[in-house]
PDB file of N, CA and C in Angstrom:
ATOM      1  N   UNK A   1       0.845  -1.181   0.002  1.00  0.00           N
ATOM      2  CA  UNK A   1       0.005  -0.005  -0.003  1.00  0.00           C
ATOM      3  C   UNK A   1       0.899   1.237   0.002  1.00  0.00           C
ATOM      4  N   UNK A   2       0.571   2.201  -0.825  1.00  0.00           N
ATOM      5  CA  UNK A   2       1.306   3.468  -0.898  1.00  0.00           C
ATOM      6  C   UNK A   2       0.634   4.471  -0.016  1.00  0.00           C
ATOM      7  N   UNK A   3       1.333   4.912   1.040  1.00  0.00           N
ATOM      8  CA  UNK A   3       0.786   5.825   2.014  1.00  0.00           C
ATOM      9  C   UNK A   3       1.119   7.297   1.725  1.00  0.00           C
ATOM     10  N   UNK A   4       1.822   7.561   0.628  1.00  0.00           N
ATOM     11  CA  UNK A   4       2.276   8.924   0.398  1.00  0.00           C
ATOM     12  C   UNK A   4       1.162   9.962   0.369  1.00  0.00           C
ATOM     13  N   UNK A   5      -0.014   9.710  -0.208  1.00  0.00           N
ATOM     14  CA  UNK A   5      -1.076  10.726  -0.125  1.00  0.00           C
ATOM     15  C   UNK A   5      -1.535  10.993   1.311  1.00  0.00           C
ATOM     16  N   UNK A   6      -1.591   9.959   2.120  1.00  0.00           N
ATOM     17  CA  UNK A   6      -1.986  10.109   3.518  1.00  0.00           C
ATOM     18  C   UNK A   6      -0.924  10.883   4.296  1.00  0.00           C
ATOM     19  N   UNK A   7       0.342  10.541   4.063  1.00  0.00           N
ATOM     20  CA  UNK A   7       1.433  11.263   4.719  1.00  0.00           C
ATOM     21  C   UNK A   7       1.409  12.720   4.317  1.00  0.00           C
ATOM     22  N   UNK A   8       1.208  13.002   3.044  1.00  0.00           N
ATOM     23  CA  UNK A   8       1.131  14.388   2.571  1.00  0.00           C
ATOM     24  C   UNK A   8      -0.009  15.140   3.229  1.00  0.00           C
ATOM     25  N   UNK A   9      -1.147  14.462   3.380  1.00  0.00           N
ATOM     26  CA  UNK A   9      -2.304  15.090   4.024  1.00  0.00           C
ATOM     27  C   UNK A   9      -2.024  15.399   5.480  1.00  0.00           C
ATOM     28  N   UNK A  10      -1.394  14.469   6.204  1.00  0.00           N
ATOM     29  CA  UNK A  10      -1.041  14.705   7.593  1.00  0.00           C
ATOM     30  C   UNK A  10      -0.024  15.826   7.696  1.00  0.00           C
ATOM     31  N   UNK A  11       0.951  15.830   6.795  1.00  0.00           N
ATOM     32  CA  UNK A  11       2.036  16.828   6.842  1.00  0.00           C
ATOM     33  C   UNK A  11       1.525  18.247   6.624  1.00  0.00           C
ATOM     34  N   UNK A  12       0.409  18.397   5.968  1.00  0.00           N
ATOM     35  CA  UNK A  12      -0.168  19.738   5.747  1.00  0.00           C
ATOM     36  C   UNK A  12      -0.695  20.372   7.039  1.00  0.00           C
ATOM     37  N   UNK A  13      -0.805  19.554   8.064  1.00  0.00           N
ATOM     38  CA  UNK A  13      -1.354  20.028   9.342  1.00  0.00           C
ATOM     39  C   UNK A  13      -0.327  19.776  10.448  1.00  0.00           C
ATOM     40  N   UNK A  14       0.597  20.713  10.621  1.00  0.00           N
ATOM     41  CA  UNK A  14       1.701  20.515  11.572  1.00  0.00           C
ATOM     42  C   UNK A  14       1.199  20.195  12.969  1.00  0.00           C
ATOM     43  N   UNK A  15       0.095  20.838  13.385  1.00  0.00           N
ATOM     44  CA  UNK A  15      -0.432  20.561  14.718  1.00  0.00           C
ATOM     45  C   UNK A  15      -0.876  19.116  14.837  1.00  0.00           C
ATOM     46  N   UNK A  16      -1.422  18.573  13.764  1.00  0.00           N
ATOM     47  CA  UNK A  16      -1.861  17.164  13.771  1.00  0.00           C
ATOM     48  C   UNK A  16      -0.646  16.237  13.899  1.00  0.00           C
ATOM     49  N   UNK A  17       0.415  16.533  13.169  1.00  0.00           N
ATOM     50  CA  UNK A  17       1.645  15.734  13.260  1.00  0.00           C
ATOM     51  C   UNK A  17       2.127  15.724  14.703  1.00  0.00           C
ATOM     52  N   UNK A  18       2.228  16.914  15.297  1.00  0.00           N
ATOM     53  CA  UNK A  18       2.708  17.018  16.671  1.00  0.00           C
ATOM     54  C   UNK A  18       1.804  16.286  17.653  1.00  0.00           C
ATOM     55  N   UNK A  19       0.491  16.407  17.436  1.00  0.00           N
ATOM     56  CA  UNK A  19      -0.465  15.758  18.337  1.00  0.00           C
ATOM     57  C   UNK A  19      -0.390  14.229  18.254  1.00  0.00           C
ATOM     58  N   UNK A  20      -0.321  13.713  17.037  1.00  0.00           N
ATOM     59  CA  UNK A  20      -0.217  12.254  16.878  1.00  0.00           C
ATOM     60  C   UNK A  20       1.060  11.753  17.546  1.00  0.00           C
ATOM     61  N   UNK A  21       2.172  12.433  17.290  1.00  0.00           N
ATOM     62  CA  UNK A  21       3.451  11.983  17.835  1.00  0.00           C
ATOM     63  C   UNK A  21       3.489  12.109  19.360  1.00  0.00           C
ATOM     64  N   UNK A  22       2.772  13.071  19.903  1.00  0.00           N
ATOM     65  CA  UNK A  22       2.722  13.232  21.358  1.00  0.00           C
ATOM     66  C   UNK A  22       1.795  12.228  22.033  1.00  0.00           C
ATOM     67  N   UNK A  23       0.713  11.862  21.376  1.00  0.00           N
ATOM     68  CA  UNK A  23      -0.279  10.978  21.990  1.00  0.00           C
ATOM     69  C   UNK A  23      -0.023   9.503  21.729  1.00  0.00           C
ATOM     70  N   UNK A  24       0.483   9.178  20.571  1.00  0.00           N
ATOM     71  CA  UNK A  24       0.711   7.763  20.207  1.00  0.00           C
ATOM     72  C   UNK A  24       2.129   7.372  20.587  1.00  0.00           C
ATOM     73  N   UNK A  25       2.316   7.143  21.891  1.00  0.00           N
ATOM     74  CA  UNK A  25       3.613   6.832  22.454  1.00  0.00           C
ATOM     75  C   UNK A  25       3.608   5.412  23.037  1.00  0.00           C
ATOM     76  N   UNK A  26       4.781   4.899  23.274  1.00  0.00           N
ATOM     77  CA  UNK A  26       4.938   3.598  23.911  1.00  0.00           C
ATOM     78  C   UNK A  26       4.485   3.709  25.364  1.00  0.00           C
ATOM     79  N   UNK A  27       3.627   2.792  25.774  1.00  0.00           N
ATOM     80  CA  UNK A  27       3.099   2.837  27.144  1.00  0.00           C
ATOM     81  C   UNK A  27       4.060   2.177  28.146  1.00  0.00           C
ATOM     82  N   UNK A  28       5.226   1.792  27.664  1.00  0.00           N
ATOM     83  CA  UNK A  28       6.196   1.135  28.537  1.00  0.00           C
ATOM     84  C   UNK A  28       6.173  -0.376  28.439  1.00  0.00           C
ATOM     85  N   UNK A  29       5.155  -0.918  27.777  1.00  0.00           N
ATOM     86  CA  UNK A  29       5.047  -2.358  27.595  1.00  0.00           C
ATOM     87  C   UNK A  29       5.105  -2.756  26.129  1.00  0.00           C
ATOM     88  N   UNK A  30       5.403  -1.785  25.263  1.00  0.00           N
ATOM     89  CA  UNK A  30       5.485  -2.056  23.822  1.00  0.00           C
ATOM     90  C   UNK A  30       4.165  -1.852  23.096  1.00  0.00           C
ATOM     91  N   UNK A  31       3.188  -1.282  23.791  1.00  0.00           N
ATOM     92  CA  UNK A  31       1.904  -1.009  23.175  1.00  0.00           C
ATOM     93  C   UNK A  31       1.709   0.497  23.027  1.00  0.00           C
ATOM     94  N   UNK A  32       0.862   0.892  22.082  1.00  0.00           N
ATOM     95  CA  UNK A  32       0.564   2.303  21.881  1.00  0.00           C
ATOM     96  C   UNK A  32      -0.414   2.765  22.956  1.00  0.00           C
ATOM     97  N   UNK A  33      -0.053   3.879  23.586  1.00  0.00           N
ATOM     98  CA  UNK A  33      -0.861   4.407  24.668  1.00  0.00           C
ATOM     99  C   UNK A  33      -2.224   4.944  24.192  1.00  0.00           C
ATOM    100  N   UNK A  34      -2.317   5.401  22.943  1.00  0.00           N
ATOM    101  CA  UNK A  34      -3.527   6.046  22.451  1.00  0.00           C
ATOM    102  C   UNK A  34      -4.449   5.144  21.630  1.00  0.00           C
ATOM    103  N   UNK A  35      -3.918   4.076  21.082  1.00  0.00           N
ATOM    104  CA  UNK A  35      -4.755   3.199  20.226  1.00  0.00           C
ATOM    105  C   UNK A  35      -5.746   2.417  21.069  1.00  0.00           C
ATOM    106  N   UNK A  36      -6.907   2.138  20.494  1.00  0.00           N
ATOM    107  CA  UNK A  36      -7.952   1.429  21.239  1.00  0.00           C
ATOM    108  C   UNK A  36      -7.525   0.026  21.643  1.00  0.00           C
ATOM    109  N   UNK A  37      -7.981  -0.383  22.769  1.00  0.00           N
ATOM    110  CA  UNK A  37      -7.758  -1.741  23.256  1.00  0.00           C
ATOM    111  C   UNK A  37      -9.017  -2.566  23.013  1.00  0.00           C
ATOM    112  N   UNK A  38      -9.197  -2.945  21.763  1.00  0.00           N
ATOM    113  CA  UNK A  38     -10.428  -3.648  21.391  1.00  0.00           C
ATOM    114  C   UNK A  38     -10.186  -5.089  20.972  1.00  0.00           C
ATOM    115  N   UNK A  39      -9.195  -5.717  21.548  1.00  0.00           N
ATOM    116  CA  UNK A  39      -8.951  -7.114  21.257  1.00  0.00           C
ATOM    117  C   UNK A  39      -8.144  -7.356  20.001  1.00  0.00           C
ATOM    118  N   UNK A  40      -7.595  -6.312  19.410  1.00  0.00           N
ATOM    119  CA  UNK A  40      -6.774  -6.474  18.196  1.00  0.00           C
ATOM    120  C   UNK A  40      -5.346  -6.026  18.489  1.00  0.00           C
ATOM    121  N   UNK A  41      -4.521  -6.953  18.973  1.00  0.00           N
ATOM    122  CA  UNK A  41      -3.174  -6.567  19.377  1.00  0.00           C
ATOM    123  C   UNK A  41      -2.340  -5.947  18.270  1.00  0.00           C
ATOM    124  N   UNK A  42      -2.609  -6.302  17.005  1.00  0.00           N
ATOM    125  CA  UNK A  42      -1.822  -5.725  15.914  1.00  0.00           C
ATOM    126  C   UNK A  42      -2.079  -4.231  15.786  1.00  0.00           C
ATOM    127  N   UNK A  43      -3.170  -3.728  16.312  1.00  0.00           N
ATOM    128  CA  UNK A  43      -3.465  -2.296  16.297  1.00  0.00           C
ATOM    129  C   UNK A  43      -2.819  -1.590  17.472  1.00  0.00           C
ATOM    130  N   UNK A  44      -2.376  -2.347  18.460  1.00  0.00           N
ATOM    131  CA  UNK A  44      -1.874  -1.769  19.684  1.00  0.00           C
ATOM    132  C   UNK A  44      -0.341  -1.678  19.742  1.00  0.00           C
ATOM    133  N   UNK A  45       0.338  -2.492  18.990  1.00  0.00           N
ATOM    134  CA  UNK A  45       1.811  -2.479  19.071  1.00  0.00           C
ATOM    135  C   UNK A  45       2.353  -1.106  18.713  1.00  0.00           C
ATOM    136  N   UNK A  46       3.427  -0.747  19.405  1.00  0.00           N
ATOM    137  CA  UNK A  46       4.053   0.548  19.157  1.00  0.00           C
ATOM    138  C   UNK A  46       5.394   0.322  18.461  1.00  0.00           C
ATOM    139  N   UNK A  47       5.737   1.118  17.455  1.00  0.00           N
ATOM    140  CA  UNK A  47       4.985   2.255  16.967  1.00  0.00           C
ATOM    141  C   UNK A  47       3.775   1.809  16.145  1.00  0.00           C
ATOM    142  N   UNK A  48       2.651   2.422  16.439  1.00  0.00           N
ATOM    143  CA  UNK A  48       1.427   2.098  15.721  1.00  0.00           C
ATOM    144  C   UNK A  48       1.451   2.712  14.318  1.00  0.00           C
ATOM    145  N   UNK A  49       0.488   2.399  13.540  1.00  0.00           N
ATOM    146  CA  UNK A  49       0.391   2.884  12.156  1.00  0.00           C
ATOM    147  C   UNK A  49       0.339   4.426  12.124  1.00  0.00           C
ATOM    148  N   UNK A  50      -0.472   5.006  12.974  1.00  0.00           N
ATOM    149  CA  UNK A  50      -0.588   6.477  12.984  1.00  0.00           C
ATOM    150  C   UNK A  50       0.733   7.132  13.356  1.00  0.00           C
ATOM    151  N   UNK A  51       1.422   6.579  14.344  1.00  0.00           N
ATOM    152  CA  UNK A  51       2.718   7.140  14.730  1.00  0.00           C
ATOM    153  C   UNK A  51       3.701   7.038  13.582  1.00  0.00           C
ATOM    154  N   UNK A  52       3.711   5.922  12.878  1.00  0.00           N
ATOM    155  CA  UNK A  52       4.626   5.747  11.742  1.00  0.00           C
ATOM    156  C   UNK A  52       4.308   6.741  10.644  1.00  0.00           C
ATOM    157  N   UNK A  53       3.024   6.916  10.339  1.00  0.00           N
ATOM    158  CA  UNK A  53       2.648   7.876   9.292  1.00  0.00           C
ATOM    159  C   UNK A  53       3.027   9.309   9.693  1.00  0.00           C
ATOM    160  N   UNK A  54       2.808   9.653  10.964  1.00  0.00           N
ATOM    161  CA  UNK A  54       3.157  10.987  11.440  1.00  0.00           C
ATOM    162  C   UNK A  54       4.675  11.180  11.445  1.00  0.00           C
ATOM    163  N   UNK A  55       5.427  10.118  11.699  1.00  0.00           N
ATOM    164  CA  UNK A  55       6.882  10.208  11.647  1.00  0.00           C
ATOM    165  C   UNK A  55       7.331  10.547  10.219  1.00  0.00           C
ATOM    166  N   UNK A  56       6.723   9.884   9.231  1.00  0.00           N
ATOM    167  CA  UNK A  56       7.057  10.177   7.829  1.00  0.00           C
ATOM    168  C   UNK A  56       6.656  11.621   7.483  1.00  0.00           C
ATOM    169  N   UNK A  57       5.518  12.060   8.000  1.00  0.00           N
ATOM    170  CA  UNK A  57       5.066  13.432   7.757  1.00  0.00           C
ATOM    171  C   UNK A  57       6.043  14.426   8.394  1.00  0.00           C
ATOM    172  N   UNK A  58       6.490  14.137   9.602  1.00  0.00           N
ATOM    173  CA  UNK A  58       7.455  14.982  10.289  1.00  0.00           C
ATOM    174  C   UNK A  58       8.759  15.076   9.460  1.00  0.00           C
ATOM    175  N   UNK A  59       9.201  13.937   8.943  1.00  0.00           N
ATOM    176  CA  UNK A  59      10.390  13.916   8.076  1.00  0.00           C
ATOM    177  C   UNK A  59      10.200  14.791   6.857  1.00  0.00           C
ATOM    178  N   UNK A  60       9.001  14.710   6.264  1.00  0.00           N
ATOM    179  CA  UNK A  60       8.706  15.520   5.075  1.00  0.00           C
ATOM    180  C   UNK A  60       8.730  17.011   5.401  1.00  0.00           C
ATOM    181  N   UNK A  61       8.254  17.371   6.581  1.00  0.00           N
ATOM    182  CA  UNK A  61       8.218  18.778   7.003  1.00  0.00           C
ATOM    183  C   UNK A  61       9.604  19.329   7.359  1.00  0.00           C
ATOM    184  N   UNK A  62      10.394  18.507   8.025  1.00  0.00           N
ATOM    185  CA  UNK A  62      11.665  19.004   8.592  1.00  0.00           C
ATOM    186  C   UNK A  62      12.883  18.614   7.793  1.00  0.00           C
ATOM    187  N   UNK A  63      12.764  17.576   6.998  1.00  0.00           N
ATOM    188  CA  UNK A  63      13.935  17.043   6.293  1.00  0.00           C
ATOM    189  C   UNK A  63      14.834  16.193   7.175  1.00  0.00           C
ATOM    190  N   UNK A  64      14.417  15.969   8.421  1.00  0.00           N
ATOM    191  CA  UNK A  64      15.199  15.171   9.353  1.00  0.00           C
ATOM    192  C   UNK A  64      14.737  13.723   9.228  1.00  0.00           C
ATOM    193  N   UNK A  65      15.615  12.812   8.783  1.00  0.00           N
ATOM    194  CA  UNK A  65      15.207  11.436   8.590  1.00  0.00           C
ATOM    195  C   UNK A  65      15.112  10.649   9.895  1.00  0.00           C
ATOM    196  N   UNK A  66      13.994   9.945  10.062  1.00  0.00           N
ATOM    197  CA  UNK A  66      13.799   8.991  11.157  1.00  0.00           C
ATOM    198  C   UNK A  66      14.067   9.527  12.552  1.00  0.00           C
ATOM    199  N   UNK A  67      13.963   8.626  13.504  1.00  0.00           N
ATOM    200  CA  UNK A  67      14.338   8.921  14.869  1.00  0.00           C
ATOM    201  C   UNK A  67      13.377   9.790  15.657  1.00  0.00           C
ATOM    202  N   UNK A  68      12.198  10.053  15.145  1.00  0.00           N
ATOM    203  CA  UNK A  68      11.250  10.904  15.897  1.00  0.00           C
ATOM    204  C   UNK A  68      10.240  10.027  16.575  1.00  0.00           C
ATOM    205  N   UNK A  69      10.705   9.160  17.455  1.00  0.00           N
ATOM    206  CA  UNK A  69       9.825   8.271  18.204  1.00  0.00           C
ATOM    207  C   UNK A  69       9.903   8.630  19.661  1.00  0.00           C
ATOM    208  N   UNK A  70       8.840   9.204  20.152  1.00  0.00           N
ATOM    209  CA  UNK A  70       8.816   9.644  21.542  1.00  0.00           C
ATOM    210  C   UNK A  70       8.427   8.486  22.435  1.00  0.00           C
ATOM    211  N   UNK A  71       9.216   8.232  23.446  1.00  0.00           N
ATOM    212  CA  UNK A  71       8.898   7.208  24.435  1.00  0.00           C
ATOM    213  C   UNK A  71       8.102   7.865  25.552  1.00  0.00           C
ATOM    214  N   UNK A  72       7.120   7.157  26.074  1.00  0.00           N
ATOM    215  CA  UNK A  72       6.334   7.668  27.186  1.00  0.00           C
ATOM    216  C   UNK A  72       7.229   7.690  28.429  1.00  0.00           C
ATOM    217  N   UNK A  73       7.060   8.716  29.234  1.00  0.00           N
ATOM    218  CA  UNK A  73       7.818   8.806  30.485  1.00  0.00           C
ATOM    219  C   UNK A  73       6.923   8.454  31.672  1.00  0.00           C
ATOM    220  N   UNK A  74       5.707   8.091  31.407  1.00  0.00           N
ATOM    221  CA  UNK A  74       4.775   7.715  32.501  1.00  0.00           C
ATOM    222  C   UNK A  74       4.528   6.254  32.496  1.00  0.00           C
TER     223      UNK A  74
END
């Protein structure tokens, strides 16, 4: 699947990029703190799909490759 249109759409909204990256963090057990816990573990693993897409969007905005994965401190 080619995510470039979705990444471009997210990148147009810097506040959205920042919000996704701030909320979709590792909960300390390898799961995403913000993704729903609805019995689908593949949706919960961190980095989740939204965090990955926002990371690509952040790279597109800043030109800084990779490494923008925020770990939860709580």
